[in-house]
N, C-alpha and C. Protein backbone atom coordinates (compact mmCIF):
# COMPACT_ATOMS: atom_id res chain seq x y z
N MET A 1 66.79 82.51 131.32
CA MET A 1 65.92 81.63 130.56
C MET A 1 66.27 80.18 130.89
N LYS A 2 65.28 79.41 131.20
CA LYS A 2 65.45 78.05 131.52
C LYS A 2 65.52 77.24 130.20
N ARG A 3 66.53 76.39 130.13
CA ARG A 3 66.77 75.59 128.92
C ARG A 3 66.00 74.27 129.07
N ASN A 4 65.12 73.94 128.11
CA ASN A 4 64.44 72.66 128.18
C ASN A 4 64.79 71.81 126.95
N TYR A 5 65.80 72.25 126.20
CA TYR A 5 66.24 71.50 125.02
C TYR A 5 67.59 70.83 125.38
N THR A 6 67.62 69.51 125.19
CA THR A 6 68.92 68.82 125.45
C THR A 6 69.42 68.27 124.10
N MET A 7 70.65 68.68 123.74
CA MET A 7 71.21 68.31 122.49
C MET A 7 72.07 67.10 122.69
N ASN A 8 71.92 66.07 121.86
CA ASN A 8 72.83 64.95 121.78
C ASN A 8 73.86 65.28 120.77
N PHE A 9 75.07 65.68 121.27
CA PHE A 9 76.09 66.24 120.39
C PHE A 9 76.50 65.25 119.24
N SER A 10 76.70 63.99 119.59
CA SER A 10 77.22 63.05 118.59
C SER A 10 76.15 62.82 117.54
N ASP A 11 74.90 62.76 117.93
CA ASP A 11 73.80 62.65 116.93
C ASP A 11 73.73 63.86 116.04
N THR A 12 73.94 65.07 116.63
CA THR A 12 73.92 66.28 115.84
C THR A 12 75.08 66.33 114.84
N PHE A 13 76.20 65.91 115.29
CA PHE A 13 77.42 65.83 114.46
C PHE A 13 77.16 64.88 113.32
N GLU A 14 76.65 63.68 113.58
CA GLU A 14 76.39 62.72 112.50
C GLU A 14 75.33 63.18 111.55
N GLU A 15 74.33 63.89 112.09
CA GLU A 15 73.27 64.31 111.22
C GLU A 15 73.67 65.47 110.28
N TYR A 16 74.52 66.37 110.76
CA TYR A 16 74.83 67.56 109.97
C TYR A 16 76.22 67.61 109.27
N PHE A 17 77.16 66.82 109.72
CA PHE A 17 78.54 66.94 109.26
C PHE A 17 78.60 66.93 107.71
N HIS A 18 78.09 65.91 107.08
CA HIS A 18 78.21 65.80 105.61
C HIS A 18 77.46 66.87 104.87
N ALA A 19 76.31 67.21 105.39
CA ALA A 19 75.50 68.27 104.76
C ALA A 19 76.23 69.57 104.82
N LEU A 20 76.87 69.82 105.93
CA LEU A 20 77.63 71.07 106.16
C LEU A 20 78.85 71.13 105.25
N VAL A 21 79.47 69.97 105.06
CA VAL A 21 80.68 69.90 104.18
C VAL A 21 80.25 70.26 102.74
N PHE A 22 79.15 69.68 102.29
CA PHE A 22 78.69 69.98 100.90
C PHE A 22 78.19 71.43 100.81
N PHE A 23 77.61 71.96 101.86
CA PHE A 23 77.23 73.37 101.90
C PHE A 23 78.44 74.24 101.79
N ALA A 24 79.48 73.94 102.50
CA ALA A 24 80.74 74.77 102.47
C ALA A 24 81.41 74.68 101.09
N ARG A 25 81.32 73.47 100.45
CA ARG A 25 81.89 73.25 99.14
C ARG A 25 81.27 74.19 98.07
N ARG A 26 80.05 74.58 98.34
CA ARG A 26 79.35 75.49 97.39
C ARG A 26 80.03 76.86 97.26
N PHE A 27 80.88 77.23 98.29
CA PHE A 27 81.62 78.44 98.31
C PHE A 27 82.94 78.31 97.49
N GLY A 28 83.19 77.13 96.94
CA GLY A 28 84.40 76.95 96.16
C GLY A 28 85.64 76.56 96.97
N LEU A 29 85.45 76.07 98.15
CA LEU A 29 86.56 75.74 99.00
C LEU A 29 87.02 74.28 98.77
N GLU A 30 88.31 74.03 99.06
CA GLU A 30 88.79 72.65 98.94
C GLU A 30 88.20 71.81 100.05
N MET A 31 88.14 70.46 99.85
CA MET A 31 87.58 69.60 100.82
C MET A 31 88.16 69.69 102.21
N GLU A 32 89.50 69.73 102.27
CA GLU A 32 90.19 69.80 103.62
C GLU A 32 89.78 71.07 104.35
N GLU A 33 89.70 72.16 103.57
CA GLU A 33 89.33 73.47 104.19
C GLU A 33 87.88 73.37 104.72
N CYS A 34 87.00 72.80 103.92
CA CYS A 34 85.62 72.63 104.34
C CYS A 34 85.53 71.81 105.64
N GLU A 35 86.23 70.72 105.66
CA GLU A 35 86.15 69.84 106.84
C GLU A 35 86.76 70.58 108.05
N SER A 36 87.75 71.34 107.86
CA SER A 36 88.33 72.14 108.97
C SER A 36 87.29 73.16 109.51
N ILE A 37 86.61 73.84 108.55
CA ILE A 37 85.60 74.78 108.96
C ILE A 37 84.46 74.10 109.70
N ILE A 38 84.08 72.94 109.27
CA ILE A 38 82.99 72.21 109.98
C ILE A 38 83.40 71.79 111.31
N GLN A 39 84.66 71.31 111.43
CA GLN A 39 85.16 70.90 112.75
C GLN A 39 85.20 72.10 113.69
N ASP A 40 85.68 73.24 113.20
CA ASP A 40 85.70 74.42 114.03
C ASP A 40 84.28 74.86 114.47
N THR A 41 83.34 74.71 113.54
CA THR A 41 81.98 75.06 113.82
C THR A 41 81.41 74.13 114.92
N PHE A 42 81.74 72.84 114.86
CA PHE A 42 81.19 71.94 115.91
C PHE A 42 81.90 72.19 117.22
N VAL A 43 83.13 72.62 117.23
CA VAL A 43 83.79 73.00 118.49
C VAL A 43 83.07 74.18 119.09
N ALA A 44 82.76 75.19 118.27
CA ALA A 44 82.05 76.38 118.75
C ALA A 44 80.67 76.00 119.26
N LEU A 45 80.03 75.06 118.53
CA LEU A 45 78.71 74.61 118.97
C LEU A 45 78.81 73.93 120.35
N TRP A 46 79.81 73.11 120.55
CA TRP A 46 79.98 72.42 121.83
C TRP A 46 80.24 73.48 122.97
N GLU A 47 81.03 74.48 122.64
CA GLU A 47 81.32 75.51 123.66
C GLU A 47 80.11 76.35 124.01
N ASN A 48 79.16 76.41 123.09
CA ASN A 48 77.96 77.21 123.31
C ASN A 48 76.68 76.36 123.44
N ARG A 49 76.81 75.06 123.74
CA ARG A 49 75.74 74.10 123.71
C ARG A 49 74.61 74.52 124.66
N ASP A 50 74.85 75.24 125.70
CA ASP A 50 73.84 75.58 126.68
C ASP A 50 72.99 76.75 126.25
N ASN A 51 73.33 77.34 125.06
CA ASN A 51 72.59 78.53 124.61
C ASN A 51 71.53 78.30 123.63
N PHE A 52 71.25 77.02 123.37
CA PHE A 52 70.21 76.68 122.34
C PHE A 52 68.94 76.19 122.97
N SER A 53 67.79 76.69 122.39
CA SER A 53 66.54 76.29 123.01
C SER A 53 65.81 75.15 122.24
N ASP A 54 66.26 74.91 121.01
CA ASP A 54 65.63 73.88 120.18
C ASP A 54 66.57 73.42 119.06
N SER A 55 66.14 72.38 118.33
CA SER A 55 66.95 71.89 117.24
C SER A 55 67.02 72.92 116.04
N PHE A 56 65.98 73.72 115.89
CA PHE A 56 66.01 74.72 114.83
C PHE A 56 67.09 75.74 115.07
N SER A 57 67.30 76.19 116.31
CA SER A 57 68.32 77.14 116.60
C SER A 57 69.69 76.53 116.44
N VAL A 58 69.86 75.26 116.68
CA VAL A 58 71.15 74.53 116.44
C VAL A 58 71.41 74.50 114.95
N ARG A 59 70.43 74.11 114.18
CA ARG A 59 70.62 74.03 112.73
C ARG A 59 70.93 75.44 112.16
N SER A 60 70.18 76.46 112.61
CA SER A 60 70.45 77.81 112.14
C SER A 60 71.92 78.24 112.48
N TYR A 61 72.31 77.92 113.70
CA TYR A 61 73.65 78.28 114.14
C TYR A 61 74.68 77.57 113.28
N LEU A 62 74.52 76.31 113.01
CA LEU A 62 75.50 75.53 112.25
C LEU A 62 75.63 76.14 110.81
N TYR A 63 74.56 76.34 110.12
CA TYR A 63 74.66 76.87 108.77
C TYR A 63 75.15 78.32 108.77
N THR A 64 74.72 79.08 109.65
CA THR A 64 75.18 80.50 109.72
C THR A 64 76.64 80.56 110.03
N THR A 65 77.15 79.73 110.94
CA THR A 65 78.50 79.75 111.29
C THR A 65 79.41 79.22 110.16
N VAL A 66 78.98 78.18 109.48
CA VAL A 66 79.76 77.65 108.39
C VAL A 66 79.80 78.67 107.26
N ARG A 67 78.66 79.32 107.00
CA ARG A 67 78.66 80.39 105.95
C ARG A 67 79.63 81.45 106.29
N GLY A 68 79.60 81.94 107.52
CA GLY A 68 80.51 83.03 107.95
C GLY A 68 81.99 82.61 107.86
N LYS A 69 82.30 81.42 108.30
CA LYS A 69 83.68 80.91 108.25
C LYS A 69 84.11 80.73 106.81
N ALA A 70 83.22 80.24 105.93
CA ALA A 70 83.61 80.04 104.51
C ALA A 70 83.88 81.39 103.89
N LEU A 71 83.02 82.41 104.14
CA LEU A 71 83.25 83.71 103.56
C LEU A 71 84.53 84.34 104.11
N ASN A 72 84.80 84.12 105.38
CA ASN A 72 86.09 84.66 105.94
C ASN A 72 87.23 83.99 105.28
N SER A 73 87.14 82.69 105.04
CA SER A 73 88.21 81.97 104.38
C SER A 73 88.46 82.50 102.95
N ILE A 74 87.36 82.80 102.27
CA ILE A 74 87.47 83.33 100.88
C ILE A 74 88.10 84.72 100.94
N ARG A 75 87.67 85.56 101.89
CA ARG A 75 88.29 86.87 102.04
C ARG A 75 89.76 86.79 102.33
N HIS A 76 90.10 85.86 103.24
CA HIS A 76 91.52 85.66 103.57
C HIS A 76 92.33 85.24 102.38
N ARG A 77 91.76 84.31 101.57
CA ARG A 77 92.46 83.85 100.36
C ARG A 77 92.65 85.02 99.45
N LYS A 78 91.65 85.94 99.27
CA LYS A 78 91.82 87.07 98.36
C LYS A 78 92.96 87.99 98.86
N VAL A 79 92.99 88.21 100.18
CA VAL A 79 94.05 89.05 100.72
C VAL A 79 95.40 88.38 100.46
N GLU A 80 95.53 87.10 100.68
CA GLU A 80 96.79 86.40 100.42
C GLU A 80 97.19 86.49 98.98
N THR A 81 96.21 86.34 98.08
CA THR A 81 96.53 86.43 96.63
C THR A 81 96.94 87.87 96.29
N LEU A 82 96.27 88.84 96.86
CA LEU A 82 96.68 90.20 96.61
C LEU A 82 98.07 90.49 97.09
N TYR A 83 98.34 90.06 98.30
CA TYR A 83 99.67 90.22 98.88
C TYR A 83 100.72 89.47 98.06
N ALA A 84 100.39 88.30 97.63
CA ALA A 84 101.39 87.53 96.84
C ALA A 84 101.66 88.19 95.48
N THR A 85 100.69 88.80 94.92
CA THR A 85 100.89 89.45 93.64
C THR A 85 101.67 90.78 93.78
N ASN A 86 101.53 91.39 94.93
CA ASN A 86 102.22 92.66 95.19
C ASN A 86 103.55 92.50 95.94
N HIS A 87 103.81 91.37 96.51
CA HIS A 87 104.99 91.10 97.25
C HIS A 87 105.55 89.74 96.92
N LEU A 88 106.49 89.30 97.72
CA LEU A 88 107.01 87.97 97.44
C LEU A 88 105.99 86.89 97.73
N SER A 89 105.88 85.89 96.90
CA SER A 89 104.99 84.86 97.16
C SER A 89 105.55 83.89 98.20
N VAL A 90 104.69 83.09 98.79
CA VAL A 90 105.10 82.16 99.78
C VAL A 90 106.08 81.18 99.20
N GLY A 91 105.89 80.76 97.99
CA GLY A 91 106.72 79.77 97.36
C GLY A 91 107.89 80.38 96.58
N ALA A 92 108.23 81.62 96.87
CA ALA A 92 109.28 82.26 96.12
C ALA A 92 110.61 81.51 96.25
N THR A 93 111.36 81.57 95.15
CA THR A 93 112.70 80.89 95.17
C THR A 93 113.67 81.72 95.85
N GLU A 94 114.80 81.15 96.18
CA GLU A 94 115.88 81.92 96.88
C GLU A 94 116.34 83.06 96.01
N SER A 95 116.43 82.89 94.73
CA SER A 95 116.93 83.96 93.82
C SER A 95 115.86 85.11 93.80
N ASP A 96 114.60 84.74 93.88
CA ASP A 96 113.53 85.79 93.94
C ASP A 96 113.74 86.59 95.23
N CYS A 97 113.99 85.91 96.35
CA CYS A 97 114.21 86.61 97.64
C CYS A 97 115.44 87.47 97.59
N MET A 98 116.52 86.95 96.99
CA MET A 98 117.73 87.72 96.92
C MET A 98 117.57 88.94 96.01
N GLY A 99 116.81 88.75 94.90
CA GLY A 99 116.52 89.92 94.04
C GLY A 99 115.76 90.96 94.75
N ALA A 100 114.79 90.57 95.53
CA ALA A 100 113.99 91.55 96.28
C ALA A 100 114.81 92.23 97.35
N ILE A 101 115.70 91.50 97.97
CA ILE A 101 116.58 92.07 99.00
C ILE A 101 117.52 93.12 98.34
N ILE A 102 118.12 92.73 97.21
CA ILE A 102 119.04 93.68 96.52
C ILE A 102 118.29 94.90 96.11
N GLU A 103 117.04 94.71 95.56
CA GLU A 103 116.27 95.87 95.12
C GLU A 103 115.96 96.78 96.25
N GLU A 104 115.54 96.31 97.36
CA GLU A 104 115.21 97.11 98.53
C GLU A 104 116.44 97.78 99.09
N GLU A 105 117.54 97.04 99.16
CA GLU A 105 118.75 97.61 99.72
C GLU A 105 119.33 98.68 98.77
N THR A 106 119.18 98.53 97.50
CA THR A 106 119.61 99.54 96.56
C THR A 106 118.77 100.79 96.72
N ARG A 107 117.47 100.62 96.86
CA ARG A 107 116.58 101.76 97.06
C ARG A 107 116.95 102.45 98.31
N ARG A 108 117.20 101.70 99.39
CA ARG A 108 117.58 102.33 100.68
C ARG A 108 118.87 103.11 100.57
N LEU A 109 119.88 102.57 99.91
CA LEU A 109 121.16 103.29 99.75
C LEU A 109 120.96 104.53 98.90
N LEU A 110 120.24 104.41 97.81
CA LEU A 110 120.06 105.59 96.88
C LEU A 110 119.32 106.70 97.59
N PHE A 111 118.19 106.37 98.25
CA PHE A 111 117.42 107.45 98.89
C PHE A 111 118.10 107.97 100.15
N GLY A 112 118.91 107.18 100.79
CA GLY A 112 119.75 107.70 101.88
C GLY A 112 120.72 108.76 101.40
N ALA A 113 121.36 108.49 100.26
CA ALA A 113 122.29 109.45 99.65
C ALA A 113 121.52 110.68 99.15
N ILE A 114 120.36 110.49 98.57
CA ILE A 114 119.58 111.63 98.11
C ILE A 114 119.12 112.54 99.28
N ARG A 115 118.78 111.93 100.43
CA ARG A 115 118.41 112.70 101.58
C ARG A 115 119.54 113.62 102.06
N ARG A 116 120.76 113.25 101.79
CA ARG A 116 121.92 114.05 102.20
C ARG A 116 122.30 115.14 101.30
N LEU A 117 121.62 115.22 100.13
CA LEU A 117 121.88 116.27 99.14
C LEU A 117 121.39 117.63 99.69
N PRO A 118 121.96 118.74 99.22
CA PRO A 118 121.39 120.04 99.59
C PRO A 118 119.91 120.05 99.15
N GLU A 119 119.10 120.85 99.86
CA GLU A 119 117.65 120.83 99.71
C GLU A 119 117.18 121.05 98.29
N GLN A 120 117.67 122.12 97.60
CA GLN A 120 117.19 122.37 96.24
C GLN A 120 117.58 121.26 95.28
N VAL A 121 118.79 120.73 95.40
CA VAL A 121 119.23 119.60 94.57
C VAL A 121 118.40 118.39 94.82
N ARG A 122 118.11 118.12 96.10
CA ARG A 122 117.25 116.93 96.47
C ARG A 122 115.91 117.04 95.85
N LYS A 123 115.29 118.27 95.90
CA LYS A 123 113.97 118.45 95.33
C LYS A 123 113.97 118.13 93.80
N ILE A 124 115.05 118.61 93.14
CA ILE A 124 115.14 118.41 91.70
C ILE A 124 115.29 116.93 91.35
N ILE A 125 116.16 116.24 92.10
CA ILE A 125 116.38 114.81 91.86
C ILE A 125 115.13 113.98 92.12
N LEU A 126 114.40 114.31 93.20
CA LEU A 126 113.22 113.57 93.52
C LEU A 126 112.06 113.84 92.48
N LEU A 127 111.98 115.07 92.03
CA LEU A 127 111.04 115.38 90.94
C LEU A 127 111.37 114.62 89.67
N ASN A 128 112.72 114.51 89.36
CA ASN A 128 113.20 113.83 88.25
C ASN A 128 112.84 112.34 88.33
N LEU A 129 113.04 111.74 89.52
CA LEU A 129 112.72 110.33 89.78
C LEU A 129 111.22 110.10 89.64
N ASP A 130 110.43 111.13 89.89
CA ASP A 130 108.95 111.01 89.70
C ASP A 130 108.55 111.11 88.24
N GLY A 131 109.55 111.26 87.36
CA GLY A 131 109.24 111.29 85.91
C GLY A 131 109.03 112.67 85.34
N LYS A 132 109.31 113.72 86.09
CA LYS A 132 109.14 115.04 85.62
C LYS A 132 110.27 115.40 84.64
N THR A 133 109.93 116.20 83.62
CA THR A 133 110.93 116.67 82.68
C THR A 133 111.64 117.87 83.29
N ASN A 134 112.79 118.21 82.66
CA ASN A 134 113.51 119.41 83.14
C ASN A 134 112.64 120.62 83.14
N GLN A 135 111.85 120.80 82.07
CA GLN A 135 110.93 121.97 81.94
C GLN A 135 109.90 121.93 83.07
N GLU A 136 109.34 120.79 83.32
CA GLU A 136 108.28 120.71 84.43
C GLU A 136 108.94 121.05 85.78
N ILE A 137 110.15 120.56 86.05
CA ILE A 137 110.87 120.87 87.24
C ILE A 137 111.10 122.32 87.39
N ALA A 138 111.58 122.92 86.30
CA ALA A 138 111.86 124.35 86.29
C ALA A 138 110.58 125.14 86.59
N ASP A 139 109.48 124.74 85.99
CA ASP A 139 108.22 125.48 86.17
C ASP A 139 107.72 125.33 87.59
N LEU A 140 107.88 124.10 88.16
CA LEU A 140 107.37 123.81 89.55
C LEU A 140 108.20 124.61 90.58
N LEU A 141 109.52 124.64 90.40
CA LEU A 141 110.38 125.27 91.35
C LEU A 141 110.67 126.77 91.03
N LYS A 142 110.11 127.22 89.90
CA LYS A 142 110.25 128.61 89.47
C LYS A 142 111.77 128.98 89.34
N ILE A 143 112.45 128.11 88.65
CA ILE A 143 113.88 128.36 88.29
C ILE A 143 114.09 128.09 86.84
N SER A 144 115.24 128.51 86.30
CA SER A 144 115.49 128.31 84.89
C SER A 144 115.80 126.84 84.61
N ILE A 145 115.59 126.50 83.33
CA ILE A 145 115.88 125.14 82.92
C ILE A 145 117.38 124.86 83.00
N ASP A 146 118.20 125.89 82.80
CA ASP A 146 119.64 125.74 82.96
C ASP A 146 119.99 125.40 84.41
N ALA A 147 119.32 126.02 85.34
CA ALA A 147 119.59 125.79 86.78
C ALA A 147 119.20 124.30 87.10
N VAL A 148 118.16 123.82 86.55
CA VAL A 148 117.77 122.40 86.74
C VAL A 148 118.82 121.51 86.23
N LYS A 149 119.31 121.74 85.02
CA LYS A 149 120.31 120.90 84.44
C LYS A 149 121.58 120.98 85.25
N PHE A 150 122.00 122.17 85.70
CA PHE A 150 123.18 122.31 86.58
C PHE A 150 123.05 121.58 87.84
N HIS A 151 121.96 121.65 88.55
CA HIS A 151 121.75 120.95 89.82
C HIS A 151 121.70 119.43 89.63
N LYS A 152 121.10 118.99 88.55
CA LYS A 152 121.06 117.57 88.25
C LYS A 152 122.45 117.07 88.01
N LYS A 153 123.23 117.77 87.21
CA LYS A 153 124.64 117.37 86.91
C LYS A 153 125.42 117.25 88.24
N ASN A 154 125.32 118.27 89.11
CA ASN A 154 126.03 118.25 90.37
C ASN A 154 125.50 117.05 91.25
N ALA A 155 124.20 116.86 91.26
CA ALA A 155 123.63 115.80 92.06
C ALA A 155 124.17 114.43 91.65
N TYR A 156 124.17 114.19 90.34
CA TYR A 156 124.69 112.95 89.78
C TYR A 156 126.12 112.74 90.17
N LYS A 157 126.89 113.79 90.12
CA LYS A 157 128.28 113.78 90.49
C LYS A 157 128.44 113.39 91.99
N ILE A 158 127.67 114.03 92.82
CA ILE A 158 127.75 113.74 94.26
C ILE A 158 127.29 112.34 94.54
N LEU A 159 126.22 111.94 93.89
CA LEU A 159 125.70 110.55 94.13
C LEU A 159 126.70 109.45 93.63
N ARG A 160 127.30 109.72 92.50
CA ARG A 160 128.31 108.72 91.99
C ARG A 160 129.45 108.60 93.00
N LYS A 161 129.93 109.78 93.51
CA LYS A 161 131.03 109.78 94.47
C LYS A 161 130.65 109.09 95.73
N GLU A 162 129.45 109.38 96.24
CA GLU A 162 129.00 108.82 97.51
C GLU A 162 128.66 107.34 97.42
N LEU A 163 128.20 106.89 96.26
CA LEU A 163 127.77 105.47 96.08
C LEU A 163 128.79 104.68 95.30
N ARG A 164 129.97 105.17 95.06
CA ARG A 164 130.97 104.47 94.20
C ARG A 164 131.34 103.09 94.80
N GLU A 165 131.37 102.96 96.11
CA GLU A 165 131.73 101.64 96.65
C GLU A 165 130.57 100.61 96.53
N TYR A 166 129.39 101.10 96.21
CA TYR A 166 128.23 100.27 96.05
C TYR A 166 127.91 100.12 94.55
N PHE A 167 128.70 100.65 93.65
CA PHE A 167 128.39 100.70 92.26
C PHE A 167 128.02 99.34 91.71
N TYR A 168 128.81 98.32 91.98
CA TYR A 168 128.51 97.00 91.47
C TYR A 168 127.20 96.45 92.06
N PHE A 169 126.99 96.70 93.36
CA PHE A 169 125.78 96.28 94.03
C PHE A 169 124.58 96.98 93.40
N ILE A 170 124.65 98.26 93.16
CA ILE A 170 123.52 99.00 92.58
C ILE A 170 123.26 98.58 91.10
N PHE A 171 124.43 98.31 90.41
CA PHE A 171 124.25 97.87 89.03
C PHE A 171 123.51 96.60 88.89
N ILE A 172 123.72 95.68 89.79
CA ILE A 172 123.02 94.37 89.80
C ILE A 172 121.52 94.59 89.91
């Protein structure tokens, strides 16, 4: 296709920049983020400048691209917020980080010790950690409630012995 439309980039920038910023602001973005999106859009326009046949296609491209980038930014923000609420936030304090490290290390040590328990005892402890009662465990494993109590007692004894050097660490 032969191109007969010649775009004056600086005029296009001057004509649309502020309108696109206000358009992007309608998505609830901060001014700096809007301006960044608009700048990225104009860079993309420059890189694709030979693909436009008229000013209408340029205008459509600008608004469509800004809309897409704004929506991506909103989606990205939602993912960050979700991650921050489920994990450490970016601005977490050192004590928050240390608390999370201690928690994860404790979990690793505990489950490492549980993995080394005999199979039946391991099943009982894992079911107990899942919140099952002694009766529910007995019913699931088709053993007596006394057997469940016995295995739990032995498991705790083994775990205390195996984790005794980490007692203070786990207690924290």
